């Protein structure tokens, strides 16, 4: 397995294009949470994160969901 140097990582970051800013991503997550809250307001959904890559997204979305808890 080959290793990647810090300079190679920095080069990738320097050459990368920003597609969406952090505020734009947060706004999209907020919008999604609001839509889910409206559609599932009176239900008891089970929320699962299926992929390891979804952990960050789930960590931002799930606290904004307001389902009925008993």
Protein backbone atom coordinates (compact mmCIF):
# COMPACT_ATOMS: atom_id res chain seq x y z
CA UNK A 1 0.00 0.00 0.00
CA UNK A 2 1.46 3.35 -0.99
CA UNK A 3 1.39 6.39 1.23
CA UNK A 4 0.41 9.89 0.22
CA UNK A 5 2.59 12.75 1.33
CA UNK A 6 1.29 15.92 2.91
CA UNK A 7 2.48 17.92 -0.09
CA UNK A 8 0.43 15.70 -2.42
CA UNK A 9 -2.63 16.20 -0.24
CA UNK A 10 -2.08 19.96 -0.20
CA UNK A 11 -1.68 19.98 -3.99
CA UNK A 12 -5.04 18.26 -4.44
CA UNK A 13 -6.71 20.76 -2.09
CA UNK A 14 -5.09 23.70 -3.89
CA UNK A 15 -6.29 22.47 -7.30
CA UNK A 16 -9.79 21.43 -6.19
CA UNK A 17 -12.86 23.42 -7.19
CA UNK A 18 -15.41 24.34 -4.54
CA UNK A 19 -18.77 23.12 -5.77
CA UNK A 20 -20.91 24.12 -2.78
CA UNK A 21 -19.92 26.20 0.23
CA UNK A 22 -20.55 25.02 3.79
CA UNK A 23 -23.49 27.45 4.23
CA UNK A 24 -25.08 26.14 1.01
CA UNK A 25 -24.75 22.55 2.21
CA UNK A 26 -26.21 23.45 5.61
CA UNK A 27 -29.11 25.23 3.92
CA UNK A 28 -29.84 22.14 1.81
CA UNK A 29 -29.75 19.90 4.89
CA UNK A 30 -32.10 22.28 6.73
CA UNK A 31 -34.50 22.26 3.79
CA UNK A 32 -34.44 18.45 3.65
CA UNK A 33 -35.06 18.22 7.41
CA UNK A 34 -38.05 20.55 7.11
CA UNK A 35 -39.52 18.47 4.28
CA UNK A 36 -39.04 15.23 6.21
CA UNK A 37 -40.57 16.77 9.35
CA UNK A 38 -43.65 17.86 7.38
CA UNK A 39 -44.14 14.52 5.63
CA UNK A 40 -43.51 12.28 8.64
CA UNK A 41 -44.81 14.48 11.46
CA UNK A 42 -47.28 11.92 12.79
CA UNK A 43 -45.27 8.79 12.12
CA UNK A 44 -42.54 6.83 13.87
CA UNK A 45 -39.80 6.34 11.29
CA UNK A 46 -36.65 4.34 11.90
CA UNK A 47 -33.55 6.19 10.70
CA UNK A 48 -30.47 4.18 9.77
CA UNK A 49 -27.18 5.30 8.30
CA UNK A 50 -26.28 2.66 5.75
CA UNK A 51 -22.82 3.69 4.64
CA UNK A 52 -19.83 4.91 6.62
CA UNK A 53 -19.68 7.95 4.34
CA UNK A 54 -23.16 8.92 5.47
CA UNK A 55 -22.18 9.40 9.10
CA UNK A 56 -21.36 13.11 8.79
CA UNK A 57 -24.53 13.79 6.81
CA UNK A 58 -26.64 11.82 9.30
CA UNK A 59 -25.03 13.66 12.18
CA UNK A 60 -26.17 16.95 10.67
CA UNK A 61 -29.64 15.82 9.58
CA UNK A 62 -30.92 13.65 12.43
CA UNK A 63 -30.78 16.30 15.21
CA UNK A 64 -33.12 18.44 13.10
CA UNK A 65 -35.82 15.76 12.78
CA UNK A 66 -38.75 16.23 15.14
CA UNK A 67 -40.65 12.96 15.28
CA UNK A 68 -43.04 11.90 18.01
CA UNK A 69 -41.18 9.94 20.67
CA UNK A 70 -42.91 7.78 23.26
